[in-house]
Amino acid sequence: MAEISEIICVTCPKGCTLRVKHEGKKVLEVLDGCKRGEEYAICELQDPRRMVASTVRVDGGLHPLVPVYTKKAFPKHLIPELARSLRKVEIPAPVKINQVVLADALGTGIDVVASRDMPVRY
């Protein structure tokens, strides 16, 4: 039996509320929104993903942590496990921006990279 869910689209700053008619994960119709919103609703129901930002420890760096992020949107259901993995990571200074900190995170093919330089502590 079909049901209607409301999803807030985040593909642009407008933040439209999309009404999506679906049966489980199968989207039957997107009742409101633009073409980008329709694509977003389908992805959100079938395979929700998010960009993830966090920090990892740095050994010998000017600061004890360096900010990191996923290069692509990460499967939403794996984010808690990714967070646990990142807590175990410690990299040596110096760190360069876009340096891969965790390659192929959890076998997804998505790298976690540094989002800033971290020089050596003097």
PDB file of N, CA and C in Angstrom:
ATOM      1  N   MET A   1       0.845  -1.184   0.000  1.00  0.00           N
ATOM      2  CA  MET A   1       0.000   0.000   0.000  1.00  0.00           C
ATOM      3  C   MET A   1       0.885   1.241   0.000  1.00  0.00           C
ATOM      4  N   ALA A   2       0.549   2.185  -0.826  1.00  0.00           N
ATOM      5  CA  ALA A   2       1.337   3.412  -0.955  1.00  0.00           C
ATOM      6  C   ALA A   2       1.101   4.328   0.246  1.00  0.00           C
ATOM      7  N   GLU A   3       2.165   5.025   0.605  1.00  0.00           N
ATOM      8  CA  GLU A   3       2.067   6.025   1.664  1.00  0.00           C
ATOM      9  C   GLU A   3       2.726   7.310   1.184  1.00  0.00           C
ATOM     10  N   ILE A   4       2.435   8.409   1.846  1.00  0.00           N
ATOM     11  CA  ILE A   4       3.011   9.704   1.482  1.00  0.00           C
ATOM     12  C   ILE A   4       3.864  10.188   2.647  1.00  0.00           C
ATOM     13  N   SER A   5       5.119  10.519   2.328  1.00  0.00           N
ATOM     14  CA  SER A   5       6.048  11.055   3.328  1.00  0.00           C
ATOM     15  C   SER A   5       6.453  12.464   2.922  1.00  0.00           C
ATOM     16  N   GLU A   6       6.793  13.270   3.918  1.00  0.00           N
ATOM     17  CA  GLU A   6       7.303  14.606   3.639  1.00  0.00           C
ATOM     18  C   GLU A   6       8.804  14.613   3.888  1.00  0.00           C
ATOM     19  N   ILE A   7       9.541  15.150   2.919  1.00  0.00           N
ATOM     20  CA  ILE A   7      10.995  15.241   3.001  1.00  0.00           C
ATOM     21  C   ILE A   7      11.371  16.683   2.693  1.00  0.00           C
ATOM     22  N   ILE A   8      12.257  17.252   3.495  1.00  0.00           N
ATOM     23  CA  ILE A   8      12.747  18.600   3.221  1.00  0.00           C
ATOM     24  C   ILE A   8      13.962  18.482   2.318  1.00  0.00           C
ATOM     25  N   CYS A   9      13.876  19.067   1.152  1.00  0.00           N
ATOM     26  CA  CYS A   9      14.957  19.014   0.159  1.00  0.00           C
ATOM     27  C   CYS A   9      16.068  19.982   0.565  1.00  0.00           C
ATOM     28  N   VAL A  10      17.310  19.517   0.478  1.00  0.00           N
ATOM     29  CA  VAL A  10      18.449  20.358   0.857  1.00  0.00           C
ATOM     30  C   VAL A  10      19.405  20.587  -0.322  1.00  0.00           C
ATOM     31  N   THR A  11      18.920  20.377  -1.553  1.00  0.00           N
ATOM     32  CA  THR A  11      19.804  20.569  -2.698  1.00  0.00           C
ATOM     33  C   THR A  11      20.043  22.034  -3.018  1.00  0.00           C
ATOM     34  N   CYS A  12      19.186  22.907  -2.536  1.00  0.00           N
ATOM     35  CA  CYS A  12      19.395  24.350  -2.712  1.00  0.00           C
ATOM     36  C   CYS A  12      18.941  25.063  -1.437  1.00  0.00           C
ATOM     37  N   PRO A  13      19.229  26.331  -1.292  1.00  0.00           N
ATOM     38  CA  PRO A  13      18.858  27.060  -0.071  1.00  0.00           C
ATOM     39  C   PRO A  13      17.355  27.230   0.154  1.00  0.00           C
ATOM     40  N   LYS A  14      16.542  26.985  -0.859  1.00  0.00           N
ATOM     41  CA  LYS A  14      15.104  27.189  -0.728  1.00  0.00           C
ATOM     42  C   LYS A  14      14.469  26.249   0.293  1.00  0.00           C
ATOM     43  N   GLY A  15      14.928  24.996   0.385  1.00  0.00           N
ATOM     44  CA  GLY A  15      14.434  24.054   1.385  1.00  0.00           C
ATOM     45  C   GLY A  15      12.983  23.667   1.225  1.00  0.00           C
ATOM     46  N   CYS A  16      12.602  23.275   0.031  1.00  0.00           N
ATOM     47  CA  CYS A  16      11.206  22.895  -0.242  1.00  0.00           C
ATOM     48  C   CYS A  16      10.803  21.640   0.533  1.00  0.00           C
ATOM     49  N   THR A  17       9.536  21.587   0.909  1.00  0.00           N
ATOM     50  CA  THR A  17       8.984  20.375   1.507  1.00  0.00           C
ATOM     51  C   THR A  17       8.410  19.531   0.373  1.00  0.00           C
ATOM     52  N   LEU A  18       8.972  18.342   0.193  1.00  0.00           N
ATOM     53  CA  LEU A  18       8.536  17.449  -0.870  1.00  0.00           C
ATOM     54  C   LEU A  18       7.575  16.419  -0.291  1.00  0.00           C
ATOM     55  N   ARG A  19       6.462  16.202  -0.962  1.00  0.00           N
ATOM     56  CA  ARG A  19       5.552  15.124  -0.588  1.00  0.00           C
ATOM     57  C   ARG A  19       5.834  13.988  -1.560  1.00  0.00           C
ATOM     58  N   VAL A  20       6.207  12.840  -1.007  1.00  0.00           N
ATOM     59  CA  VAL A  20       6.641  11.714  -1.826  1.00  0.00           C
ATOM     60  C   VAL A  20       5.701  10.535  -1.610  1.00  0.00           C
ATOM     61  N   LYS A  21       5.104  10.067  -2.682  1.00  0.00           N
ATOM     62  CA  LYS A  21       4.250   8.890  -2.635  1.00  0.00           C
ATOM     63  C   LYS A  21       5.146   7.690  -2.933  1.00  0.00           C
ATOM     64  N   HIS A  22       5.156   6.708  -2.005  1.00  0.00           N
ATOM     65  CA  HIS A  22       6.059   5.571  -2.171  1.00  0.00           C
ATOM     66  C   HIS A  22       5.500   4.315  -1.529  1.00  0.00           C
ATOM     67  N   GLU A  23       6.028   3.195  -1.975  1.00  0.00           N
ATOM     68  CA  GLU A  23       5.762   1.896  -1.354  1.00  0.00           C
ATOM     69  C   GLU A  23       7.103   1.380  -0.871  1.00  0.00           C
ATOM     70  N   GLY A  24       7.335   1.458   0.424  1.00  0.00           N
ATOM     71  CA  GLY A  24       8.643   1.115   0.968  1.00  0.00           C
ATOM     72  C   GLY A  24       9.689   2.067   0.409  1.00  0.00           C
ATOM     73  N   LYS A  25      10.708   1.518  -0.251  1.00  0.00           N
ATOM     74  CA  LYS A  25      11.755   2.354  -0.841  1.00  0.00           C
ATOM     75  C   LYS A  25      11.486   2.692  -2.303  1.00  0.00           C
ATOM     76  N   LYS A  26      10.425   2.149  -2.860  1.00  0.00           N
ATOM     77  CA  LYS A  26      10.088   2.407  -4.261  1.00  0.00           C
ATOM     78  C   LYS A  26       9.266   3.687  -4.366  1.00  0.00           C
ATOM     79  N   VAL A  27       9.834   4.698  -5.031  1.00  0.00           N
ATOM     80  CA  VAL A  27       9.164   5.987  -5.191  1.00  0.00           C
ATOM     81  C   VAL A  27       8.199   5.892  -6.367  1.00  0.00           C
ATOM     82  N   LEU A  28       6.941   6.218  -6.105  1.00  0.00           N
ATOM     83  CA  LEU A  28       5.926   6.200  -7.147  1.00  0.00           C
ATOM     84  C   LEU A  28       5.766   7.570  -7.792  1.00  0.00           C
ATOM     85  N   GLU A  29       5.816   8.613  -6.946  1.00  0.00           N
ATOM     86  CA  GLU A  29       5.593   9.963  -7.458  1.00  0.00           C
ATOM     87  C   GLU A  29       6.084  10.987  -6.438  1.00  0.00           C
ATOM     88  N   VAL A  30       6.710  12.049  -6.945  1.00  0.00           N
ATOM     89  CA  VAL A  30       7.074  13.187  -6.099  1.00  0.00           C
ATOM     90  C   VAL A  30       6.054  14.267  -6.422  1.00  0.00           C
ATOM     91  N   LEU A  31       5.250  14.620  -5.424  1.00  0.00           N
ATOM     92  CA  LEU A  31       4.096  15.496  -5.667  1.00  0.00           C
ATOM     93  C   LEU A  31       4.449  16.974  -5.707  1.00  0.00           C
ATOM     94  N   ASP A  32       5.521  17.389  -5.075  1.00  0.00           N
ATOM     95  CA  ASP A  32       5.927  18.798  -5.071  1.00  0.00           C
ATOM     96  C   ASP A  32       7.417  18.878  -5.378  1.00  0.00           C
ATOM     97  N   GLY A  33       7.855  20.053  -5.788  1.00  0.00           N
ATOM     98  CA  GLY A  33       9.280  20.265  -5.975  1.00  0.00           C
ATOM     99  C   GLY A  33       9.705  20.259  -7.429  1.00  0.00           C
ATOM    100  N   CYS A  34      10.962  20.591  -7.631  1.00  0.00           N
ATOM    101  CA  CYS A  34      11.541  20.674  -8.968  1.00  0.00           C
ATOM    102  C   CYS A  34      12.237  19.355  -9.329  1.00  0.00           C
ATOM    103  N   LYS A  35      12.890  19.323 -10.486  1.00  0.00           N
ATOM    104  CA  LYS A  35      13.576  18.106 -10.946  1.00  0.00           C
ATOM    105  C   LYS A  35      14.684  17.704  -9.967  1.00  0.00           C
ATOM    106  N   ARG A  36      15.438  18.684  -9.457  1.00  0.00           N
ATOM    107  CA  ARG A  36      16.493  18.376  -8.486  1.00  0.00           C
ATOM    108  C   ARG A  36      15.901  17.804  -7.205  1.00  0.00           C
ATOM    109  N   GLY A  37      14.756  18.328  -6.809  1.00  0.00           N
ATOM    110  CA  GLY A  37      14.077  17.827  -5.620  1.00  0.00           C
ATOM    111  C   GLY A  37      13.601  16.399  -5.803  1.00  0.00           C
ATOM    112  N   GLU A  38      13.137  16.092  -7.000  1.00  0.00           N
ATOM    113  CA  GLU A  38      12.683  14.728  -7.296  1.00  0.00           C
ATOM    114  C   GLU A  38      13.857  13.752  -7.178  1.00  0.00           C
ATOM    115  N   GLU A  39      15.006  14.101  -7.741  1.00  0.00           N
ATOM    116  CA  GLU A  39      16.197  13.253  -7.643  1.00  0.00           C
ATOM    117  C   GLU A  39      16.623  13.084  -6.188  1.00  0.00           C
ATOM    118  N   TYR A  40      16.569  14.180  -5.417  1.00  0.00           N
ATOM    119  CA  TYR A  40      16.935  14.136  -4.006  1.00  0.00           C
ATOM    120  C   TYR A  40      16.012  13.189  -3.235  1.00  0.00           C
ATOM    121  N   ALA A  41      14.706  13.291  -3.482  1.00  0.00           N
ATOM    122  CA  ALA A  41      13.726  12.457  -2.768  1.00  0.00           C
ATOM    123  C   ALA A  41      13.971  10.974  -3.046  1.00  0.00           C
ATOM    124  N   ILE A  42      14.249  10.640  -4.285  1.00  0.00           N
ATOM    125  CA  ILE A  42      14.509   9.243  -4.652  1.00  0.00           C
ATOM    126  C   ILE A  42      15.747   8.741  -3.925  1.00  0.00           C
ATOM    127  N   CYS A  43      16.832   9.521  -3.962  1.00  0.00           N
ATOM    128  CA  CYS A  43      18.069   9.127  -3.273  1.00  0.00           C
ATOM    129  C   CYS A  43      17.861   9.028  -1.761  1.00  0.00           C
ATOM    130  N   GLU A  44      17.108   9.959  -1.210  1.00  0.00           N
ATOM    131  CA  GLU A  44      16.887   9.989   0.241  1.00  0.00           C
ATOM    132  C   GLU A  44      16.118   8.760   0.724  1.00  0.00           C
ATOM    133  N   LEU A  45      15.195   8.290  -0.066  1.00  0.00           N
ATOM    134  CA  LEU A  45      14.439   7.104   0.317  1.00  0.00           C
ATOM    135  C   LEU A  45      15.200   5.810   0.046  1.00  0.00           C
ATOM    136  N   GLN A  46      15.970   5.758  -1.037  1.00  0.00           N
ATOM    137  CA  GLN A  46      16.627   4.518  -1.432  1.00  0.00           C
ATOM    138  C   GLN A  46      18.019   4.342  -0.850  1.00  0.00           C
ATOM    139  N   ASP A  47      18.794   5.415  -0.779  1.00  0.00           N
ATOM    140  CA  ASP A  47      20.177   5.327  -0.294  1.00  0.00           C
ATOM    141  C   ASP A  47      20.601   6.662   0.304  1.00  0.00           C
ATOM    142  N   PRO A  48      20.129   6.994   1.512  1.00  0.00           N
ATOM    143  CA  PRO A  48      20.466   8.293   2.099  1.00  0.00           C
ATOM    144  C   PRO A  48      21.956   8.405   2.408  1.00  0.00           C
ATOM    145  N   ARG A  49      22.530   9.548   2.039  1.00  0.00           N
ATOM    146  CA  ARG A  49      23.956   9.808   2.246  1.00  0.00           C
ATOM    147  C   ARG A  49      24.146  11.213   2.793  1.00  0.00           C
ATOM    148  N   ARG A  50      25.239  11.399   3.514  1.00  0.00           N
ATOM    149  CA  ARG A  50      25.570  12.697   4.085  1.00  0.00           C
ATOM    150  C   ARG A  50      27.079  12.931   3.994  1.00  0.00           C
ATOM    151  N   MET A  51      27.459  14.190   3.866  1.00  0.00           N
ATOM    152  CA  MET A  51      28.868  14.558   4.013  1.00  0.00           C
ATOM    153  C   MET A  51      29.166  14.480   5.514  1.00  0.00           C
ATOM    154  N   VAL A  52      30.361  14.008   5.852  1.00  0.00           N
ATOM    155  CA  VAL A  52      30.734  13.859   7.256  1.00  0.00           C
ATOM    156  C   VAL A  52      31.984  14.695   7.523  1.00  0.00           C
ATOM    157  N   ALA A  53      31.946  15.484   8.569  1.00  0.00           N
ATOM    158  CA  ALA A  53      33.106  16.254   9.018  1.00  0.00           C
ATOM    159  C   ALA A  53      33.419  15.844  10.449  1.00  0.00           C
ATOM    160  N   SER A  54      34.702  15.720  10.767  1.00  0.00           N
ATOM    161  CA  SER A  54      35.111  15.303  12.102  1.00  0.00           C
ATOM    162  C   SER A  54      36.539  15.783  12.342  1.00  0.00           C
ATOM    163  N   THR A  55      37.203  15.174  13.314  1.00  0.00           N
ATOM    164  CA  THR A  55      38.611  15.455  13.585  1.00  0.00           C
ATOM    165  C   THR A  55      39.332  14.145  13.865  1.00  0.00           C
ATOM    166  N   VAL A  56      40.656  14.150  13.650  1.00  0.00           N
ATOM    167  CA  VAL A  56      41.494  13.022  14.050  1.00  0.00           C
ATOM    168  C   VAL A  56      42.707  13.570  14.797  1.00  0.00           C
ATOM    169  N   ARG A  57      43.310  12.709  15.610  1.00  0.00           N
ATOM    170  CA  ARG A  57      44.469  13.107  16.400  1.00  0.00           C
ATOM    171  C   ARG A  57      45.706  13.259  15.506  1.00  0.00           C
ATOM    172  N   VAL A  58      46.561  14.204  15.903  1.00  0.00           N
ATOM    173  CA  VAL A  58      47.815  14.439  15.194  1.00  0.00           C
ATOM    174  C   VAL A  58      48.951  14.304  16.196  1.00  0.00           C
ATOM    175  N   ASP A  59      49.914  13.450  15.889  1.00  0.00           N
ATOM    176  CA  ASP A  59      51.088  13.264  16.740  1.00  0.00           C
ATOM    177  C   ASP A  59      52.153  14.280  16.344  1.00  0.00           C
ATOM    178  N   GLY A  60      52.526  15.151  17.286  1.00  0.00           N
ATOM    179  CA  GLY A  60      53.574  16.132  17.045  1.00  0.00           C
ATOM    180  C   GLY A  60      53.134  17.356  16.281  1.00  0.00           C
ATOM    181  N   GLY A  61      51.836  17.571  16.166  1.00  0.00           N
ATOM    182  CA  GLY A  61      51.336  18.721  15.433  1.00  0.00           C
ATOM    183  C   GLY A  61      51.216  19.955  16.303  1.00  0.00           C
ATOM    184  N   LEU A  62      51.087  21.110  15.661  1.00  0.00           N
ATOM    185  CA  LEU A  62      50.903  22.371  16.367  1.00  0.00           C
ATOM    186  C   LEU A  62      49.661  22.308  17.255  1.00  0.00           C
ATOM    187  N   HIS A  63      48.632  21.622  16.789  1.00  0.00           N
ATOM    188  CA  HIS A  63      47.409  21.380  17.556  1.00  0.00           C
ATOM    189  C   HIS A  63      47.214  19.873  17.679  1.00  0.00           C
ATOM    190  N   PRO A  64      46.474  19.420  18.672  1.00  0.00           N
ATOM    191  CA  PRO A  64      46.321  17.970  18.861  1.00  0.00           C
ATOM    192  C   PRO A  64      45.372  17.294  17.873  1.00  0.00           C
ATOM    193  N   LEU A  65      44.528  18.080  17.210  1.00  0.00           N
ATOM    194  CA  LEU A  65      43.548  17.518  16.271  1.00  0.00           C
ATOM    195  C   LEU A  65      43.601  18.269  14.946  1.00  0.00           C
ATOM    196  N   VAL A  66      43.250  17.561  13.868  1.00  0.00           N
ATOM    197  CA  VAL A  66      43.116  18.193  12.558  1.00  0.00           C
ATOM    198  C   VAL A  66      41.711  17.880  12.035  1.00  0.00           C
ATOM    199  N   PRO A  67      41.031  18.875  11.436  1.00  0.00           N
ATOM    200  CA  PRO A  67      39.704  18.613  10.887  1.00  0.00           C
ATOM    201  C   PRO A  67      39.791  17.774   9.615  1.00  0.00           C
ATOM    202  N   VAL A  68      38.824  16.885   9.456  1.00  0.00           N
ATOM    203  CA  VAL A  68      38.766  15.999   8.295  1.00  0.00           C
ATOM    204  C   VAL A  68      37.336  15.948   7.763  1.00  0.00           C
ATOM    205  N   TYR A  69      37.187  15.494   6.519  1.00  0.00           N
ATOM    206  CA  TYR A  69      35.853  15.332   5.937  1.00  0.00           C
ATOM    207  C   TYR A  69      35.885  14.226   4.893  1.00  0.00           C
ATOM    208  N   THR A  70      34.715  13.712   4.552  1.00  0.00           N
ATOM    209  CA  THR A  70      34.612  12.692   3.515  1.00  0.00           C
ATOM    210  C   THR A  70      34.626  13.383   2.157  1.00  0.00           C
ATOM    211  N   LYS A  71      35.310  12.791   1.187  1.00  0.00           N
ATOM    212  CA  LYS A  71      35.405  13.383  -0.146  1.00  0.00           C
ATOM    213  C   LYS A  71      34.069  13.346  -0.891  1.00  0.00           C
ATOM    214  N   LYS A  72      33.221  12.387  -0.562  1.00  0.00           N
ATOM    215  CA  LYS A  72      31.893  12.282  -1.169  1.00  0.00           C
ATOM    216  C   LYS A  72      30.893  11.989  -0.057  1.00  0.00           C
ATOM    217  N   ALA A  73      29.638  12.110  -0.376  1.00  0.00           N
ATOM    218  CA  ALA A  73      28.594  11.804   0.600  1.00  0.00           C
ATOM    219  C   ALA A  73      28.708  10.334   1.019  1.00  0.00           C
ATOM    220  N   PHE A  74      28.564  10.102   2.321  1.00  0.00           N
ATOM    221  CA  PHE A  74      28.793   8.796   2.934  1.00  0.00           C
ATOM    222  C   PHE A  74      27.455   8.150   3.285  1.00  0.00           C
ATOM    223  N   PRO A  75      27.318   6.822   3.149  1.00  0.00           N
ATOM    224  CA  PRO A  75      26.055   6.168   3.514  1.00  0.00           C
ATOM    225  C   PRO A  75      25.654   6.488   4.961  1.00  0.00           C
ATOM    226  N   LYS A  76      24.455   6.993   5.109  1.00  0.00           N
ATOM    227  CA  LYS A  76      23.994   7.479   6.414  1.00  0.00           C
ATOM    228  C   LYS A  76      24.036   6.402   7.501  1.00  0.00           C
ATOM    229  N   HIS A  77      23.673   5.169   7.170  1.00  0.00           N
ATOM    230  CA  HIS A  77      23.625   4.116   8.181  1.00  0.00           C
ATOM    231  C   HIS A  77      25.027   3.719   8.676  1.00  0.00           C
ATOM    232  N   LEU A  78      26.085   4.092   7.955  1.00  0.00           N
ATOM    233  CA  LEU A  78      27.457   3.753   8.363  1.00  0.00           C
ATOM    234  C   LEU A  78      28.168   4.883   9.116  1.00  0.00           C
ATOM    235  N   ILE A  79      27.524   6.029   9.267  1.00  0.00           N
ATOM    236  CA  ILE A  79      28.188   7.177   9.901  1.00  0.00           C
ATOM    237  C   ILE A  79      28.620   6.890  11.342  1.00  0.00           C
ATOM    238  N   PRO A  80      27.810   6.258  12.196  1.00  0.00           N
ATOM    239  CA  PRO A  80      28.299   5.966  13.556  1.00  0.00           C
ATOM    240  C   PRO A  80      29.547   5.079  13.558  1.00  0.00           C
ATOM    241  N   GLU A  81      29.591   4.103  12.663  1.00  0.00           N
ATOM    242  CA  GLU A  81      30.767   3.233  12.579  1.00  0.00           C
ATOM    243  C   GLU A  81      31.985   4.006  12.067  1.00  0.00           C
ATOM    244  N   LEU A  82      31.771   4.931  11.137  1.00  0.00           N
ATOM    245  CA  LEU A  82      32.864   5.780  10.657  1.00  0.00           C
ATOM    246  C   LEU A  82      33.404   6.628  11.801  1.00  0.00           C
ATOM    247  N   ALA A  83      32.529   7.184  12.613  1.00  0.00           N
ATOM    248  CA  ALA A  83      32.954   8.001  13.750  1.00  0.00           C
ATOM    249  C   ALA A  83      33.818   7.181  14.714  1.00  0.00           C
ATOM    250  N   ARG A  84      33.425   5.940  14.970  1.00  0.00           N
ATOM    251  CA  ARG A  84      34.234   5.067  15.839  1.00  0.00           C
ATOM    252  C   ARG A  84      35.602   4.799  15.219  1.00  0.00           C
ATOM    253  N   SER A  85      35.642   4.606  13.918  1.00  0.00           N
ATOM    254  CA  SER A  85      36.917   4.361  13.225  1.00  0.00           C
ATOM    255  C   SER A  85      37.828   5.575  13.298  1.00  0.00           C
ATOM    256  N   LEU A  86      37.262   6.761  13.123  1.00  0.00           N
ATOM    257  CA  LEU A  86      38.069   7.981  13.140  1.00  0.00           C
ATOM    258  C   LEU A  86      38.653   8.258  14.524  1.00  0.00           C
ATOM    259  N   ARG A  87      37.959   7.818  15.587  1.00  0.00           N
ATOM    260  CA  ARG A  87      38.498   8.002  16.942  1.00  0.00           C
ATOM    261  C   ARG A  87      39.784   7.224  17.153  1.00  0.00           C
ATOM    262  N   LYS A  88      39.994   6.166  16.369  1.00  0.00           N
ATOM    263  CA  LYS A  88      41.193   5.330  16.503  1.00  0.00           C
ATOM    264  C   LYS A  88      42.362   5.819  15.647  1.00  0.00           C
ATOM    265  N   VAL A  89      42.118   6.766  14.759  1.00  0.00           N
ATOM    266  CA  VAL A  89      43.146   7.239  13.830  1.00  0.00           C
ATOM    267  C   VAL A  89      44.026   8.293  14.493  1.00  0.00           C
ATOM    268  N   GLU A  90      45.339   8.136  14.330  1.00  0.00           N
ATOM    269  CA  GLU A  90      46.305   9.162  14.745  1.00  0.00           C
ATOM    270  C   GLU A  90      47.353   9.244  13.642  1.00  0.00           C
ATOM    271  N   ILE A  91      47.579  10.448  13.129  1.00  0.00           N
ATOM    272  CA  ILE A  91      48.527  10.614  12.033  1.00  0.00           C
ATOM    273  C   ILE A  91      49.684  11.504  12.483  1.00  0.00           C
ATOM    274  N   PRO A  92      50.870  11.312  11.906  1.00  0.00           N
ATOM    275  CA  PRO A  92      52.018  12.134  12.288  1.00  0.00           C
ATOM    276  C   PRO A  92      51.990  13.488  11.573  1.00  0.00           C
ATOM    277  N   ALA A  93      52.475  14.508  12.255  1.00  0.00           N
ATOM    278  CA  ALA A  93      52.628  15.835  11.646  1.00  0.00           C
ATOM    279  C   ALA A  93      53.893  15.809  10.793  1.00  0.00           C
ATOM    280  N   PRO A  94      54.005  16.601   9.776  1.00  0.00           N
ATOM    281  CA  PRO A  94      53.042  17.588   9.285  1.00  0.00           C
ATOM    282  C   PRO A  94      51.951  16.933   8.452  1.00  0.00           C
ATOM    283  N   VAL A  95      50.800  17.610   8.416  1.00  0.00           N
ATOM    284  CA  VAL A  95      49.657  17.155   7.631  1.00  0.00           C
ATOM    285  C   VAL A  95      49.379  18.238   6.589  1.00  0.00           C
ATOM    286  N   LYS A  96      49.129  17.816   5.373  1.00  0.00           N
ATOM    287  CA  LYS A  96      48.803  18.749   4.284  1.00  0.00           C
ATOM    288  C   LYS A  96      47.311  18.687   3.978  1.00  0.00           C
ATOM    289  N   ILE A  97      46.748  19.811   3.566  1.00  0.00           N
ATOM    290  CA  ILE A  97      45.341  19.859   3.189  1.00  0.00           C
ATOM    291  C   ILE A  97      45.092  18.836   2.079  1.00  0.00           C
ATOM    292  N   ASN A  98      43.973  18.159   2.140  1.00  0.00           N
ATOM    293  CA  ASN A  98      43.554  17.101   1.201  1.00  0.00           C
ATOM    294  C   ASN A  98      44.375  15.825   1.302  1.00  0.00           C
ATOM    295  N   GLN A  99      45.225  15.710   2.329  1.00  0.00           N
ATOM    296  CA  GLN A  99      45.963  14.460   2.566  1.00  0.00           C
ATOM    297  C   GLN A  99      44.973  13.392   3.010  1.00  0.00           C
ATOM    298  N   VAL A 100      45.067  12.209   2.417  1.00  0.00           N
ATOM    299  CA  VAL A 100      44.172  11.120   2.791  1.00  0.00           C
ATOM    300  C   VAL A 100      44.522  10.649   4.203  1.00  0.00           C
ATOM    301  N   VAL A 101      43.535  10.678   5.076  1.00  0.00           N
ATOM    302  CA  VAL A 101      43.698  10.290   6.474  1.00  0.00           C
ATOM    303  C   VAL A 101      43.192   8.862   6.682  1.00  0.00           C
ATOM    304  N   LEU A 102      42.128   8.506   5.988  1.00  0.00           N
ATOM    305  CA  LEU A 102      41.562   7.160   6.048  1.00  0.00           C
ATOM    306  C   LEU A 102      41.082   6.800   4.642  1.00  0.00           C
ATOM    307  N   ALA A 103      41.822   5.927   3.972  1.00  0.00           N
ATOM    308  CA  ALA A 103      41.481   5.547   2.604  1.00  0.00           C
ATOM    309  C   ALA A 103      40.375   4.497   2.606  1.00  0.00           C
ATOM    310  N   ASP A 104      39.501   4.569   1.634  1.00  0.00           N
ATOM    311  CA  ASP A 104      38.434   3.580   1.443  1.00  0.00           C
ATOM    312  C   ASP A 104      37.719   3.271   2.763  1.00  0.00           C
ATOM    313  N   ALA A 105      37.203   4.314   3.389  1.00  0.00           N
ATOM    314  CA  ALA A 105      36.579   4.175   4.708  1.00  0.00           C
ATOM    315  C   ALA A 105      35.483   3.118   4.707  1.00  0.00           C
ATOM    316  N   LEU A 106      35.653   2.116   5.553  1.00  0.00           N
ATOM    317  CA  LEU A 106      34.695   1.018   5.738  1.00  0.00           C
ATOM    318  C   LEU A 106      34.357   0.300   4.436  1.00  0.00           C
ATOM    319  N   GLY A 107      35.290   0.300   3.506  1.00  0.00           N
ATOM    320  CA  GLY A 107      35.093  -0.403   2.249  1.00  0.00           C
ATOM    321  C   GLY A 107      34.106   0.251   1.302  1.00  0.00           C
ATOM    322  N   THR A 108      33.840   1.537   1.495  1.00  0.00           N
ATOM    323  CA  THR A 108      32.870   2.251   0.662  1.00  0.00           C
ATOM    324  C   THR A 108      33.498   2.869  -0.583  1.00  0.00           C
ATOM    325  N   GLY A 109      34.834   2.923  -0.629  1.00  0.00           N
ATOM    326  CA  GLY A 109      35.509   3.596  -1.730  1.00  0.00           C
ATOM    327  C   GLY A 109      35.611   5.098  -1.523  1.00  0.00           C
ATOM    328  N   ILE A 110      35.192   5.573  -0.360  1.00  0.00           N
ATOM    329  CA  ILE A 110      35.211   7.005  -0.052  1.00  0.00           C
ATOM    330  C   ILE A 110      36.352   7.285   0.912  1.00  0.00           C
ATOM    331  N   ASP A 111      37.212   8.250   0.538  1.00  0.00           N
ATOM    332  CA  ASP A 111      38.345   8.628   1.379  1.00  0.00           C
ATOM    333  C   ASP A 111      37.949   9.733   2.353  1.00  0.00           C
ATOM    334  N   VAL A 112      38.608   9.716   3.519  1.00  0.00           N
ATOM    335  CA  VAL A 112      38.491  10.802   4.481  1.00  0.00           C
ATOM    336  C   VAL A 112      39.796  11.580   4.385  1.00  0.00           C
ATOM    337  N   VAL A 113      39.699  12.903   4.188  1.00  0.00           N
ATOM    338  CA  VAL A 113      40.887  13.731   3.962  1.00  0.00           C
ATOM    339  C   VAL A 113      40.950  14.889   4.952  1.00  0.00           C
ATOM    340  N   ALA A 114      42.170  15.424   5.136  1.00  0.00           N
ATOM    341  CA  ALA A 114      42.370  16.581   6.002  1.00  0.00           C
ATOM    342  C   ALA A 114      41.831  17.830   5.326  1.00  0.00           C
ATOM    343  N   SER A 115      41.202  18.695   6.107  1.00  0.00           N
ATOM    344  CA  SER A 115      40.645  19.909   5.521  1.00  0.00           C
ATOM    345  C   SER A 115      41.493  21.156   5.798  1.00  0.00           C
ATOM    346  N   ARG A 116      42.688  20.944   6.380  1.00  0.00           N
ATOM    347  CA  ARG A 116      43.628  22.056   6.555  1.00  0.00           C
ATOM    348  C   ARG A 116      45.023  21.486   6.780  1.00  0.00           C
ATOM    349  N   ASP A 117      46.012  22.333   6.639  1.00  0.00           N
ATOM    350  CA  ASP A 117      47.390  21.962   6.945  1.00  0.00           C
ATOM    351  C   ASP A 117      47.572  21.939   8.454  1.00  0.00           C
ATOM    352  N   MET A 118      48.469  21.079   8.928  1.00  0.00           N
ATOM    353  CA  MET A 118      48.831  21.047  10.344  1.00  0.00           C
ATOM    354  C   MET A 118      50.340  20.926  10.412  1.00  0.00           C
ATOM    355  N   PRO A 119      51.030  22.049  10.746  1.00  0.00           N
ATOM    356  CA  PRO A 119      52.487  22.002  10.830  1.00  0.00           C
ATOM    357  C   PRO A 119      52.965  21.264  12.070  1.00  0.00           C
ATOM    358  N   VAL A 120      54.253  20.982  12.074  1.00  0.00           N
ATOM    359  CA  VAL A 120      54.898  20.326  13.213  1.00  0.00           C
ATOM    360  C   VAL A 120      55.009  21.323  14.350  1.00  0.00           C
ATOM    361  N   ARG A 121      54.826  20.836  15.568  1.00  0.00           N
ATOM    362  CA  ARG A 121      54.991  21.676  16.764  1.00  0.00           C
ATOM    363  C   ARG A 121      56.482  21.967  16.940  1.00  0.00           C
ATOM    364  N   TYR A 122      56.816  23.209  17.204  1.00  0.00           N
ATOM    365  CA  TYR A 122      58.233  23.590  17.384  1.00  0.00           C
ATOM    366  C   TYR A 122      58.579  23.737  18.832  1.00  0.00           C
TER     367      TYR A 122
END
